[in-house]
């Protein structure tokens, strides 16, 4: 598995980086931490290497370098990096220009062996989408932006599973709220539920929601399979069936002390455009972290 952790600032990205590195460590996944800095207006991307030389001679930083430095120091402080007696901390000289405005710092991690910092400059949605498409990440972890429209666009256009670290409180004791139904994505969502539960050492509430009075056999079977997976992996769980509207019921059950995990909509892109997507509707309404599994 490959994980991409999107960060944006020293002030607001610590919960996102914390969540991402916990999951990456338990999965031992190849992990990239990406910062999208402001677009460099003064220079074209083909001149970025020249710009870097000028910045070095003037002791100036390319936009976004300070966020990478913060991330590097955070990884050191939390013991995610191998200690080196010759390590003098982060230096912009560590950045390796990979072309098209993408620069990389290769790191030697402890739990995560394949670990790197990436700096891109430009529009955050375009740069994240290009990074995911170009390097085939399985999970993208992003902060819960106050601009819900931005998170909406990221989920719509990024071709990987998405973990939105929305209102994450590092002091809060969370449970997982795993939404189970008859769709094909449920099986993958259950697996993600196990991994997140193991990463945070927390319990899982398996919930199946339907407007029907009678529980269908397919829905009952999906819930039983999820319970069996939890038992096999040693994750404590409880299962329940609730009658009601999916979005409102799930958001109400989640409150602010759950991490919601659900599969993406199986609707066609055209249907999603006209009818909307239930996972997106949940994301826009909930006050807690959420994983949308694709």
C-alpha atoms as a PDB file:
ATOM      1  CA  UNK A   1       0.000   0.000   0.000  1.00  0.00           C
ATOM      2  CA  UNK A   2       1.106   3.569  -0.748  1.00  0.00           C
ATOM      3  CA  UNK A   3      -0.069   6.467   1.410  1.00  0.00           C
ATOM      4  CA  UNK A   4      -0.066  10.175   0.577  1.00  0.00           C
ATOM      5  CA  UNK A   5      -0.382  12.662   3.468  1.00  0.00           C
ATOM      6  CA  UNK A   6      -1.323  16.158   2.362  1.00  0.00           C
ATOM      7  CA  UNK A   7      -0.200  18.978   4.656  1.00  0.00           C
ATOM      8  CA  UNK A   8      -0.693  22.707   4.211  1.00  0.00           C
ATOM      9  CA  UNK A   9       0.628  24.667   7.185  1.00  0.00           C
ATOM     10  CA  UNK A  10       2.604  24.478  10.405  1.00  0.00           C
ATOM     11  CA  UNK A  11      -0.391  25.759  12.361  1.00  0.00           C
ATOM     12  CA  UNK A  12      -3.101  23.323  11.248  1.00  0.00           C
ATOM     13  CA  UNK A  13      -1.507  20.176   9.815  1.00  0.00           C
ATOM     14  CA  UNK A  14      -0.274  18.404  12.954  1.00  0.00           C
ATOM     15  CA  UNK A  15      -3.458  16.285  13.420  1.00  0.00           C
ATOM     16  CA  UNK A  16      -3.303  15.249   9.755  1.00  0.00           C
ATOM     17  CA  UNK A  17       0.362  14.255   9.996  1.00  0.00           C
ATOM     18  CA  UNK A  18      -0.226  12.488  13.303  1.00  0.00           C
ATOM     19  CA  UNK A  19      -3.104  10.396  11.919  1.00  0.00           C
ATOM     20  CA  UNK A  20      -1.252   9.642   8.689  1.00  0.00           C
ATOM     21  CA  UNK A  21       1.945   8.480  10.349  1.00  0.00           C
ATOM     22  CA  UNK A  22       0.070   6.279  12.837  1.00  0.00           C
ATOM     23  CA  UNK A  23      -1.689   4.485   9.991  1.00  0.00           C
ATOM     24  CA  UNK A  24       1.476   4.307   7.883  1.00  0.00           C
ATOM     25  CA  UNK A  25       3.411   2.813  10.811  1.00  0.00           C
ATOM     26  CA  UNK A  26       0.906   0.037  11.520  1.00  0.00           C
ATOM     27  CA  UNK A  27       0.694  -0.820   7.816  1.00  0.00           C
ATOM     28  CA  UNK A  28       4.423  -0.265   7.192  1.00  0.00           C
ATOM     29  CA  UNK A  29       3.373   1.494   3.987  1.00  0.00           C
ATOM     30  CA  UNK A  30       5.452   3.498   1.554  1.00  0.00           C
ATOM     31  CA  UNK A  31       4.538   7.040   2.586  1.00  0.00           C
ATOM     32  CA  UNK A  32       4.841  10.467   1.004  1.00  0.00           C
ATOM     33  CA  UNK A  33       4.166  13.724   2.848  1.00  0.00           C
ATOM     34  CA  UNK A  34       3.162  16.387   0.348  1.00  0.00           C
ATOM     35  CA  UNK A  35       2.999  20.143   0.786  1.00  0.00           C
ATOM     36  CA  UNK A  36       1.548  22.286  -1.980  1.00  0.00           C
ATOM     37  CA  UNK A  37       3.084  25.743  -1.682  1.00  0.00           C
ATOM     38  CA  UNK A  38       1.876  28.883  -3.372  1.00  0.00           C
ATOM     39  CA  UNK A  39       2.380  29.049  -7.097  1.00  0.00           C
ATOM     40  CA  UNK A  40       5.683  30.601  -8.141  1.00  0.00           C
ATOM     41  CA  UNK A  41       4.512  33.483 -10.282  1.00  0.00           C
ATOM     42  CA  UNK A  42       7.881  35.085 -10.916  1.00  0.00           C
ATOM     43  CA  UNK A  43       9.405  32.066 -12.636  1.00  0.00           C
ATOM     44  CA  UNK A  44       8.134  29.430 -15.013  1.00  0.00           C
ATOM     45  CA  UNK A  45       8.457  25.829 -13.823  1.00  0.00           C
ATOM     46  CA  UNK A  46      11.305  25.214 -16.250  1.00  0.00           C
ATOM     47  CA  UNK A  47      13.238  27.882 -14.360  1.00  0.00           C
ATOM     48  CA  UNK A  48      12.593  26.474 -10.870  1.00  0.00           C
ATOM     49  CA  UNK A  49      16.152  25.124 -10.584  1.00  0.00           C
ATOM     50  CA  UNK A  50      17.504  28.593 -11.368  1.00  0.00           C
ATOM     51  CA  UNK A  51      15.100  30.061  -8.833  1.00  0.00           C
ATOM     52  CA  UNK A  52      16.373  27.628  -6.212  1.00  0.00           C
ATOM     53  CA  UNK A  53      19.966  28.698  -6.872  1.00  0.00           C
ATOM     54  CA  UNK A  54      19.014  32.341  -6.485  1.00  0.00           C
ATOM     55  CA  UNK A  55      17.083  31.627  -3.317  1.00  0.00           C
ATOM     56  CA  UNK A  56      20.085  29.789  -1.906  1.00  0.00           C
ATOM     57  CA  UNK A  57      22.442  32.683  -2.607  1.00  0.00           C
ATOM     58  CA  UNK A  58      19.969  35.180  -1.146  1.00  0.00           C
ATOM     59  CA  UNK A  59      19.077  32.905   1.782  1.00  0.00           C
ATOM     60  CA  UNK A  60      15.449  32.874   0.600  1.00  0.00           C
ATOM     61  CA  UNK A  61      13.072  29.920   0.577  1.00  0.00           C
ATOM     62  CA  UNK A  62      10.843  28.606  -2.189  1.00  0.00           C
ATOM     63  CA  UNK A  63       7.198  28.913  -1.038  1.00  0.00           C
ATOM     64  CA  UNK A  64       6.321  25.885   1.094  1.00  0.00           C
ATOM     65  CA  UNK A  65       9.848  24.984   2.236  1.00  0.00           C
ATOM     66  CA  UNK A  66       9.110  26.150   5.787  1.00  0.00           C
ATOM     67  CA  UNK A  67       6.217  23.648   6.003  1.00  0.00           C
ATOM     68  CA  UNK A  68       8.506  20.798   4.908  1.00  0.00           C
ATOM     69  CA  UNK A  69      11.004  21.875   7.559  1.00  0.00           C
ATOM     70  CA  UNK A  70       8.250  21.774  10.180  1.00  0.00           C
ATOM     71  CA  UNK A  71       7.202  18.279   9.003  1.00  0.00           C
ATOM     72  CA  UNK A  72      10.814  17.067   9.125  1.00  0.00           C
ATOM     73  CA  UNK A  73      11.208  18.343  12.702  1.00  0.00           C
ATOM     74  CA  UNK A  74       7.896  16.743  13.684  1.00  0.00           C
ATOM     75  CA  UNK A  75       9.003  13.359  12.316  1.00  0.00           C
ATOM     76  CA  UNK A  76      12.255  13.633  14.272  1.00  0.00           C
ATOM     77  CA  UNK A  77      10.492  14.638  17.492  1.00  0.00           C
ATOM     78  CA  UNK A  78       8.038  11.721  17.238  1.00  0.00           C
ATOM     79  CA  UNK A  79      10.882   9.257  16.492  1.00  0.00           C
ATOM     80  CA  UNK A  80       9.745   8.364  12.979  1.00  0.00           C
ATOM     81  CA  UNK A  81      13.237   9.008  11.560  1.00  0.00           C
ATOM     82  CA  UNK A  82      16.411   7.027  12.090  1.00  0.00           C
ATOM     83  CA  UNK A  83      18.757   8.987  14.354  1.00  0.00           C
ATOM     84  CA  UNK A  84      22.000  10.087  12.742  1.00  0.00           C
ATOM     85  CA  UNK A  85      24.880  11.619  14.707  1.00  0.00           C
ATOM     86  CA  UNK A  86      25.715  13.764  11.675  1.00  0.00           C
ATOM     87  CA  UNK A  87      22.178  15.049  11.269  1.00  0.00           C
ATOM     88  CA  UNK A  88      22.151  18.831  11.393  1.00  0.00           C
ATOM     89  CA  UNK A  89      18.410  19.103  10.837  1.00  0.00           C
ATOM     90  CA  UNK A  90      16.464  20.060   7.748  1.00  0.00           C
ATOM     91  CA  UNK A  91      18.177  21.974   4.981  1.00  0.00           C
ATOM     92  CA  UNK A  92      16.696  23.173   1.697  1.00  0.00           C
ATOM     93  CA  UNK A  93      19.790  21.622   0.100  1.00  0.00           C
ATOM     94  CA  UNK A  94      18.134  18.256   0.792  1.00  0.00           C
ATOM     95  CA  UNK A  95      15.475  19.028  -1.833  1.00  0.00           C
ATOM     96  CA  UNK A  96      16.058  17.118  -5.061  1.00  0.00           C
ATOM     97  CA  UNK A  97      14.438  18.691  -8.116  1.00  0.00           C
ATOM     98  CA  UNK A  98      12.377  16.015  -9.908  1.00  0.00           C
ATOM     99  CA  UNK A  99      11.133  18.328 -12.666  1.00  0.00           C
ATOM    100  CA  UNK A 100       7.848  20.154 -13.336  1.00  0.00           C
ATOM    101  CA  UNK A 101       8.028  21.980 -10.035  1.00  0.00           C
ATOM    102  CA  UNK A 102       8.154  18.780  -7.940  1.00  0.00           C
ATOM    103  CA  UNK A 103      10.997  18.498  -5.414  1.00  0.00           C
ATOM    104  CA  UNK A 104      11.645  15.593  -3.053  1.00  0.00           C
ATOM    105  CA  UNK A 105      13.509  14.848   0.178  1.00  0.00           C
ATOM    106  CA  UNK A 106      14.321  11.174   0.735  1.00  0.00           C
ATOM    107  CA  UNK A 107      14.218  10.124   4.399  1.00  0.00           C
ATOM    108  CA  UNK A 108      15.294   7.062   6.345  1.00  0.00           C
ATOM    109  CA  UNK A 109      12.383   6.057   8.517  1.00  0.00           C
ATOM    110  CA  UNK A 110      12.051   3.577  11.374  1.00  0.00           C
ATOM    111  CA  UNK A 111       8.580   1.977  11.160  1.00  0.00           C
ATOM    112  CA  UNK A 112       8.119   3.387   7.647  1.00  0.00           C
ATOM    113  CA  UNK A 113      11.176   2.577   5.547  1.00  0.00           C
ATOM    114  CA  UNK A 114      10.112   4.247   2.292  1.00  0.00           C
ATOM    115  CA  UNK A 115       9.395   7.787   3.500  1.00  0.00           C
ATOM    116  CA  UNK A 116       9.742  11.064   1.628  1.00  0.00           C
ATOM    117  CA  UNK A 117       8.770  14.736   1.703  1.00  0.00           C
ATOM    118  CA  UNK A 118       7.480  16.344  -1.491  1.00  0.00           C
ATOM    119  CA  UNK A 119       7.071  20.016  -2.348  1.00  0.00           C
ATOM    120  CA  UNK A 120       4.891  21.118  -5.235  1.00  0.00           C
ATOM    121  CA  UNK A 121       3.790  24.644  -6.074  1.00  0.00           C
ATOM    122  CA  UNK A 122       0.430  25.552  -7.568  1.00  0.00           C
ATOM    123  CA  UNK A 123      -3.282  24.851  -7.076  1.00  0.00           C
ATOM    124  CA  UNK A 124      -3.759  22.352  -4.239  1.00  0.00           C
ATOM    125  CA  UNK A 125      -6.468  20.286  -5.947  1.00  0.00           C
ATOM    126  CA  UNK A 126      -4.628  20.066  -9.265  1.00  0.00           C
ATOM    127  CA  UNK A 127      -1.304  19.196  -7.616  1.00  0.00           C
ATOM    128  CA  UNK A 128      -2.783  16.544  -5.297  1.00  0.00           C
ATOM    129  CA  UNK A 129      -4.705  14.975  -8.166  1.00  0.00           C
ATOM    130  CA  UNK A 130      -1.611  14.882 -10.374  1.00  0.00           C
ATOM    131  CA  UNK A 131       0.476  13.361  -7.554  1.00  0.00           C
ATOM    132  CA  UNK A 132      -2.073  10.591  -6.953  1.00  0.00           C
ATOM    133  CA  UNK A 133      -2.537   9.839 -10.653  1.00  0.00           C
ATOM    134  CA  UNK A 134       1.190   9.885 -11.406  1.00  0.00           C
ATOM    135  CA  UNK A 135       2.333   7.720  -8.493  1.00  0.00           C
ATOM    136  CA  UNK A 136      -0.689   5.457  -7.827  1.00  0.00           C
ATOM    137  CA  UNK A 137      -1.408   6.022  -4.134  1.00  0.00           C
ATOM    138  CA  UNK A 138      -3.965   3.806  -2.417  1.00  0.00           C
ATOM    139  CA  UNK A 139      -4.916   6.206   0.390  1.00  0.00           C
ATOM    140  CA  UNK A 140      -4.776  10.004   0.526  1.00  0.00           C
ATOM    141  CA  UNK A 141      -4.997  11.660   3.954  1.00  0.00           C
ATOM    142  CA  UNK A 142      -6.037  15.304   4.022  1.00  0.00           C
ATOM    143  CA  UNK A 143      -7.066  17.827   6.651  1.00  0.00           C
ATOM    144  CA  UNK A 144     -10.676  18.831   7.174  1.00  0.00           C
ATOM    145  CA  UNK A 145     -10.548  22.214   5.481  1.00  0.00           C
ATOM    146  CA  UNK A 146     -12.903  24.886   6.755  1.00  0.00           C
ATOM    147  CA  UNK A 147     -13.790  25.230   3.092  1.00  0.00           C
ATOM    148  CA  UNK A 148     -16.009  22.170   2.689  1.00  0.00           C
ATOM    149  CA  UNK A 149     -16.125  22.817  -1.057  1.00  0.00           C
ATOM    150  CA  UNK A 150     -12.374  22.118  -1.233  1.00  0.00           C
ATOM    151  CA  UNK A 151     -12.708  18.761   0.564  1.00  0.00           C
ATOM    152  CA  UNK A 152     -15.671  17.969  -1.713  1.00  0.00           C
ATOM    153  CA  UNK A 153     -13.596  18.644  -4.841  1.00  0.00           C
ATOM    154  CA  UNK A 154     -10.641  16.647  -3.517  1.00  0.00           C
ATOM    155  CA  UNK A 155     -12.855  13.626  -2.863  1.00  0.00           C
ATOM    156  CA  UNK A 156     -14.512  13.948  -6.260  1.00  0.00           C
ATOM    157  CA  UNK A 157     -11.311  14.229  -8.268  1.00  0.00           C
ATOM    158  CA  UNK A 158      -8.670  12.219  -6.404  1.00  0.00           C
ATOM    159  CA  UNK A 159      -8.564   8.616  -7.590  1.00  0.00           C
ATOM    160  CA  UNK A 160      -7.773   6.920  -4.275  1.00  0.00           C
ATOM    161  CA  UNK A 161      -9.448   6.242  -0.961  1.00  0.00           C
ATOM    162  CA  UNK A 162      -9.648   9.443   1.107  1.00  0.00           C
ATOM    163  CA  UNK A 163      -9.229  10.005   4.852  1.00  0.00           C
ATOM    164  CA  UNK A 164     -10.562  13.464   5.779  1.00  0.00           C
ATOM    165  CA  UNK A 165      -9.070  14.387   9.158  1.00  0.00           C
ATOM    166  CA  UNK A 166     -12.001  16.611  10.066  1.00  0.00           C
ATOM    167  CA  UNK A 167     -12.027  18.175  13.569  1.00  0.00           C
ATOM    168  CA  UNK A 168      -9.594  15.523  14.804  1.00  0.00           C
ATOM    169  CA  UNK A 169      -8.878  15.913  18.519  1.00  0.00           C
ATOM    170  CA  UNK A 170      -5.680  14.179  19.586  1.00  0.00           C
ATOM    171  CA  UNK A 171      -7.003  13.981  23.183  1.00  0.00           C
ATOM    172  CA  UNK A 172     -10.357  12.462  22.173  1.00  0.00           C
ATOM    173  CA  UNK A 173     -11.017   8.729  22.591  1.00  0.00           C
ATOM    174  CA  UNK A 174     -12.587   7.673  19.312  1.00  0.00           C
ATOM    175  CA  UNK A 175     -14.502   4.641  18.111  1.00  0.00           C
ATOM    176  CA  UNK A 176     -14.930   3.633  14.483  1.00  0.00           C
ATOM    177  CA  UNK A 177     -18.388   3.841  12.938  1.00  0.00           C
ATOM    178  CA  UNK A 178     -18.265   1.377  10.056  1.00  0.00           C
ATOM    179  CA  UNK A 179     -21.168   1.699   7.624  1.00  0.00           C
ATOM    180  CA  UNK A 180     -21.973  -1.696   6.104  1.00  0.00           C
ATOM    181  CA  UNK A 181     -24.354  -2.379   3.217  1.00  0.00           C
ATOM    182  CA  UNK A 182     -24.756  -4.752   0.269  1.00  0.00           C
ATOM    183  CA  UNK A 183     -22.469  -2.780  -2.078  1.00  0.00           C
ATOM    184  CA  UNK A 184     -19.210  -4.091  -3.528  1.00  0.00           C
ATOM    185  CA  UNK A 185     -17.162  -1.444  -1.706  1.00  0.00           C
ATOM    186  CA  UNK A 186     -18.236  -2.671   1.737  1.00  0.00           C
ATOM    187  CA  UNK A 187     -15.688  -5.502   1.779  1.00  0.00           C
ATOM    188  CA  UNK A 188     -12.841  -3.041   1.165  1.00  0.00           C
ATOM    189  CA  UNK A 189     -14.298  -0.612   3.723  1.00  0.00           C
ATOM    190  CA  UNK A 190     -14.297  -3.379   6.344  1.00  0.00           C
ATOM    191  CA  UNK A 191     -10.602  -4.047   5.694  1.00  0.00           C
ATOM    192  CA  UNK A 192      -9.826  -0.349   6.112  1.00  0.00           C
ATOM    193  CA  UNK A 193     -11.852  -0.415   9.320  1.00  0.00           C
ATOM    194  CA  UNK A 194      -9.621  -3.149  10.694  1.00  0.00           C
ATOM    195  CA  UNK A 195      -6.449  -1.255   9.785  1.00  0.00           C
ATOM    196  CA  UNK A 196      -7.578   2.031  11.309  1.00  0.00           C
ATOM    197  CA  UNK A 197      -8.791   0.232  14.451  1.00  0.00           C
ATOM    198  CA  UNK A 198      -5.381  -1.422  14.819  1.00  0.00           C
ATOM    199  CA  UNK A 199      -3.544   1.858  14.181  1.00  0.00           C
ATOM    200  CA  UNK A 200      -5.421   3.634  16.986  1.00  0.00           C
ATOM    201  CA  UNK A 201      -6.159   0.574  19.151  1.00  0.00           C
ATOM    202  CA  UNK A 202      -9.876   1.372  19.243  1.00  0.00           C
ATOM    203  CA  UNK A 203     -13.182  -0.494  18.930  1.00  0.00           C
ATOM    204  CA  UNK A 204     -15.596  -0.636  16.005  1.00  0.00           C
ATOM    205  CA  UNK A 205     -19.340  -0.005  15.831  1.00  0.00           C
ATOM    206  CA  UNK A 206     -20.695  -1.801  12.760  1.00  0.00           C
ATOM    207  CA  UNK A 207     -23.906  -0.129  11.632  1.00  0.00           C
ATOM    208  CA  UNK A 208     -26.314  -1.138   8.877  1.00  0.00           C
ATOM    209  CA  UNK A 209     -28.934   1.467   7.965  1.00  0.00           C
ATOM    210  CA  UNK A 210     -32.064   0.913   5.896  1.00  0.00           C
ATOM    211  CA  UNK A 211     -35.402   2.613   5.307  1.00  0.00           C
ATOM    212  CA  UNK A 212     -37.075  -0.808   5.100  1.00  0.00           C
ATOM    213  CA  UNK A 213     -38.949  -2.238   8.063  1.00  0.00           C
ATOM    214  CA  UNK A 214     -37.525  -5.701   7.474  1.00  0.00           C
ATOM    215  CA  UNK A 215     -33.774  -6.323   7.344  1.00  0.00           C
ATOM    216  CA  UNK A 216     -32.819  -7.919   4.030  1.00  0.00           C
ATOM    217  CA  UNK A 217     -30.807 -11.124   4.005  1.00  0.00           C
ATOM    218  CA  UNK A 218     -28.077  -9.435   1.975  1.00  0.00           C
ATOM    219  CA  UNK A 219     -27.733  -6.675   4.558  1.00  0.00           C
ATOM    220  CA  UNK A 220     -27.723  -9.149   7.427  1.00  0.00           C
ATOM    221  CA  UNK A 221     -25.069 -11.261   5.683  1.00  0.00           C
ATOM    222  CA  UNK A 222     -22.871  -8.188   5.055  1.00  0.00           C
ATOM    223  CA  UNK A 223     -23.026  -7.283   8.747  1.00  0.00           C
ATOM    224  CA  UNK A 224     -22.192 -10.843   9.819  1.00  0.00           C
ATOM    225  CA  UNK A 225     -19.184 -10.920   7.467  1.00  0.00           C
ATOM    226  CA  UNK A 226     -17.923  -7.663   8.942  1.00  0.00           C
ATOM    227  CA  UNK A 227     -18.274  -9.049  12.491  1.00  0.00           C
ATOM    228  CA  UNK A 228     -16.392 -12.187  11.479  1.00  0.00           C
ATOM    229  CA  UNK A 229     -13.532 -10.114  10.028  1.00  0.00           C
ATOM    230  CA  UNK A 230     -13.263  -8.163  13.283  1.00  0.00           C
ATOM    231  CA  UNK A 231     -13.105 -11.346  15.373  1.00  0.00           C
ATOM    232  CA  UNK A 232     -10.461 -12.887  13.108  1.00  0.00           C
ATOM    233  CA  UNK A 233      -8.227  -9.832  13.422  1.00  0.00           C
ATOM    234  CA  UNK A 234      -8.733  -9.369  17.154  1.00  0.00           C
ATOM    235  CA  UNK A 235     -10.637  -6.080  16.856  1.00  0.00           C
ATOM    236  CA  UNK A 236     -13.467  -5.584  19.363  1.00  0.00           C
ATOM    237  CA  UNK A 237     -16.756  -4.674  17.705  1.00  0.00           C
ATOM    238  CA  UNK A 238     -20.502  -4.323  18.135  1.00  0.00           C
ATOM    239  CA  UNK A 239     -23.081  -4.541  15.357  1.00  0.00           C
ATOM    240  CA  UNK A 240     -26.522  -2.985  15.074  1.00  0.00           C
ATOM    241  CA  UNK A 241     -29.244  -2.308  12.526  1.00  0.00           C
ATOM    242  CA  UNK A 242     -30.971   1.095  12.373  1.00  0.00           C
ATOM    243  CA  UNK A 243     -34.038   2.109  10.398  1.00  0.00           C
ATOM    244  CA  UNK A 244     -33.776   5.556   8.863  1.00  0.00           C
ATOM    245  CA  UNK A 245     -32.244   7.822   6.258  1.00  0.00           C
ATOM    246  CA  UNK A 246     -28.595   6.870   5.665  1.00  0.00           C
ATOM    247  CA  UNK A 247     -27.002  10.324   5.746  1.00  0.00           C
ATOM    248  CA  UNK A 248     -28.839  11.832   8.719  1.00  0.00           C
ATOM    249  CA  UNK A 249     -28.777   8.606  10.730  1.00  0.00           C
ATOM    250  CA  UNK A 250     -25.069   8.017  10.169  1.00  0.00           C
ATOM    251  CA  UNK A 251     -24.116  11.616  10.991  1.00  0.00           C
ATOM    252  CA  UNK A 252     -26.266  11.498  14.144  1.00  0.00           C
ATOM    253  CA  UNK A 253     -24.767   8.203  15.289  1.00  0.00           C
ATOM    254  CA  UNK A 254     -21.217   9.447  14.674  1.00  0.00           C
ATOM    255  CA  UNK A 255     -21.436  12.624  16.745  1.00  0.00           C
ATOM    256  CA  UNK A 256     -17.932  13.980  17.320  1.00  0.00           C
ATOM    257  CA  UNK A 257     -16.340  10.876  18.885  1.00  0.00           C
ATOM    258  CA  UNK A 258     -16.295   8.461  15.939  1.00  0.00           C
ATOM    259  CA  UNK A 259     -14.224   7.988  12.806  1.00  0.00           C
ATOM    260  CA  UNK A 260     -16.721   7.202  10.036  1.00  0.00           C
ATOM    261  CA  UNK A 261     -15.655   4.625   7.450  1.00  0.00           C
ATOM    262  CA  UNK A 262     -17.807   3.851   4.418  1.00  0.00           C
ATOM    263  CA  UNK A 263     -17.414   2.759   0.827  1.00  0.00           C
ATOM    264  CA  UNK A 264     -17.762   5.161  -2.058  1.00  0.00           C
ATOM    265  CA  UNK A 265     -20.990   5.394  -3.991  1.00  0.00           C
ATOM    266  CA  UNK A 266     -21.522   2.808  -6.720  1.00  0.00           C
ATOM    267  CA  UNK A 267     -23.446   5.330  -8.826  1.00  0.00           C
ATOM    268  CA  UNK A 268     -22.189   6.359 -12.235  1.00  0.00           C
ATOM    269  CA  UNK A 269     -20.470   9.763 -12.461  1.00  0.00           C
ATOM    270  CA  UNK A 270     -23.553  11.127 -14.276  1.00  0.00           C
ATOM    271  CA  UNK A 271     -25.904   9.886 -11.539  1.00  0.00           C
ATOM    272  CA  UNK A 272     -23.658  11.400  -8.873  1.00  0.00           C
ATOM    273  CA  UNK A 273     -23.778  14.742 -10.664  1.00  0.00           C
ATOM    274  CA  UNK A 274     -27.582  14.881 -10.768  1.00  0.00           C
ATOM    275  CA  UNK A 275     -28.519  12.886  -7.655  1.00  0.00           C
ATOM    276  CA  UNK A 276     -25.536  13.481  -5.385  1.00  0.00           C
ATOM    277  CA  UNK A 277     -23.312  11.024  -3.538  1.00  0.00           C
ATOM    278  CA  UNK A 278     -24.241   9.774  -0.065  1.00  0.00           C
ATOM    279  CA  UNK A 279     -20.609   9.541   1.162  1.00  0.00           C
ATOM    280  CA  UNK A 280     -20.059  13.153   0.045  1.00  0.00           C
ATOM    281  CA  UNK A 281     -23.291  14.206   1.766  1.00  0.00           C
ATOM    282  CA  UNK A 282     -22.097  12.537   4.983  1.00  0.00           C
ATOM    283  CA  UNK A 283     -18.713  14.250   4.722  1.00  0.00           C
ATOM    284  CA  UNK A 284     -20.335  17.648   4.259  1.00  0.00           C
ATOM    285  CA  UNK A 285     -22.561  17.188   7.332  1.00  0.00           C
ATOM    286  CA  UNK A 286     -20.432  15.315   9.875  1.00  0.00           C
ATOM    287  CA  UNK A 287     -18.280  16.844  12.619  1.00  0.00           C
ATOM    288  CA  UNK A 288     -15.755  14.031  12.857  1.00  0.00           C
ATOM    289  CA  UNK A 289     -12.985  12.358  10.801  1.00  0.00           C
ATOM    290  CA  UNK A 290     -14.116  10.203   7.908  1.00  0.00           C
ATOM    291  CA  UNK A 291     -12.702   7.641   5.482  1.00  0.00           C
ATOM    292  CA  UNK A 292     -14.280   7.195   2.043  1.00  0.00           C
ATOM    293  CA  UNK A 293     -13.028   3.923   0.566  1.00  0.00           C
ATOM    294  CA  UNK A 294     -12.769   3.706  -3.213  1.00  0.00           C
END
